[in-house]
Amino acid sequence: MEFKIRHESEQSEAGGKRTVQAELPGIAFESLARVIAATQLGARARFEGFLGAKSKRSRKLVLHVTNIEIIEGGANASTQAEG
């Protein structure tokens, strides 16, 4: 399953605070894809995984999700990829 992750946070940089906003494509398989599909749009979640090419033929960078924890607004679940 392909999806987009929207990130917003406040970070420290050069002695000041900086608001960071970004949108990143993600990809998940099997049980993780089912959790994401059941999660409400806009829900807060914590994703773990690795950055890599979308596929062997595409060098587009995506987050390959290996763990997800829904924080609010969704299917209260924490799921980790097996394998």
Protein backbone atom coordinates (compact mmCIF):
# COMPACT_ATOMS: atom_id res chain seq x y z
CA MET A 1 0.00 0.00 0.00
CA GLU A 2 1.33 3.42 -0.94
CA PHE A 3 0.42 6.49 1.12
CA LYS A 4 1.71 9.92 2.19
CA ILE A 5 2.97 10.92 5.62
CA ARG A 6 2.67 14.54 6.68
CA HIS A 7 5.15 15.63 9.35
CA GLU A 8 4.99 18.75 11.53
CA SER A 9 7.28 19.51 14.46
CA GLU A 10 9.31 22.19 16.17
CA GLN A 11 13.08 21.64 16.19
CA SER A 12 16.07 23.46 17.66
CA GLU A 13 18.53 24.87 15.15
CA ALA A 14 21.37 27.35 15.64
CA GLY A 15 20.07 28.33 19.08
CA GLY A 16 16.53 29.00 17.88
CA LYS A 17 13.33 27.12 17.22
CA ARG A 18 12.28 26.14 13.73
CA THR A 19 8.95 24.78 12.56
CA VAL A 20 9.45 21.82 10.25
CA GLN A 21 6.77 20.68 7.80
CA ALA A 22 7.25 17.95 5.23
CA GLU A 23 5.33 15.38 3.23
CA LEU A 24 6.92 12.03 2.51
CA PRO A 25 5.69 9.08 0.44
CA GLY A 26 5.49 5.79 2.30
CA ILE A 27 4.93 2.16 1.47
CA ALA A 28 3.75 -0.71 3.68
CA PHE A 29 2.86 -4.36 3.17
CA GLU A 30 0.66 -7.04 4.74
CA SER A 31 -0.45 -6.37 8.35
CA LEU A 32 1.02 -2.85 8.33
CA ALA A 33 -0.94 -1.98 5.18
CA ARG A 34 -4.14 -3.22 6.85
CA VAL A 35 -3.49 -1.02 9.92
CA ILE A 36 -2.89 2.02 7.73
CA ALA A 37 -6.00 1.31 5.65
CA ALA A 38 -8.10 1.16 8.86
CA THR A 39 -6.68 4.41 10.24
CA GLN A 40 -8.64 7.64 9.88
CA LEU A 41 -7.19 10.31 7.63
CA GLY A 42 -5.36 12.88 9.75
CA ALA A 43 -4.72 10.51 12.66
CA ARG A 44 -1.44 10.93 14.53
CA ALA A 45 0.95 8.02 14.21
CA ARG A 46 4.57 7.12 14.79
CA PHE A 47 6.28 5.34 11.91
CA GLU A 48 9.55 3.42 11.90
CA GLY A 49 11.29 2.08 8.85
CA PHE A 50 14.00 2.87 6.36
CA LEU A 51 14.43 5.21 3.43
CA GLY A 52 14.99 3.48 0.13
CA ALA A 53 14.11 3.43 -3.52
CA LYS A 54 10.45 2.77 -4.30
CA SER A 55 11.42 -0.22 -6.45
CA LYS A 56 14.29 -1.65 -8.49
CA ARG A 57 13.15 0.42 -11.47
CA SER A 58 12.37 3.64 -9.57
CA ARG A 59 14.97 5.66 -7.67
CA LYS A 60 12.20 7.73 -6.04
CA LEU A 61 12.83 7.89 -2.28
CA VAL A 62 10.09 6.47 -0.01
CA LEU A 63 9.77 5.41 3.64
CA HIS A 64 9.44 1.62 3.80
CA VAL A 65 7.41 1.23 7.01
CA THR A 66 8.45 -1.60 9.35
CA ASN A 67 6.52 -0.48 12.46
CA ILE A 68 3.56 1.79 13.10
CA GLU A 69 1.98 3.03 16.31
CA ILE A 70 -1.35 4.85 15.98
CA ILE A 71 -1.39 7.59 18.62
CA GLU A 72 -4.92 8.98 18.14
CA GLY A 73 -7.81 9.09 15.71
CA GLY A 74 -7.50 5.59 14.35
CA ALA A 75 -7.44 1.89 14.95
CA ASN A 76 -5.52 2.02 18.31
CA ALA A 77 -2.81 -0.39 17.29
CA SER A 78 0.88 -0.93 17.27
CA THR A 79 2.06 -3.29 14.57
CA GLN A 80 5.50 -4.44 13.51
CA ALA A 81 6.43 -6.11 10.26
CA GLU A 82 7.50 -9.71 10.58
CA GLY A 83 10.44 -11.15 8.78
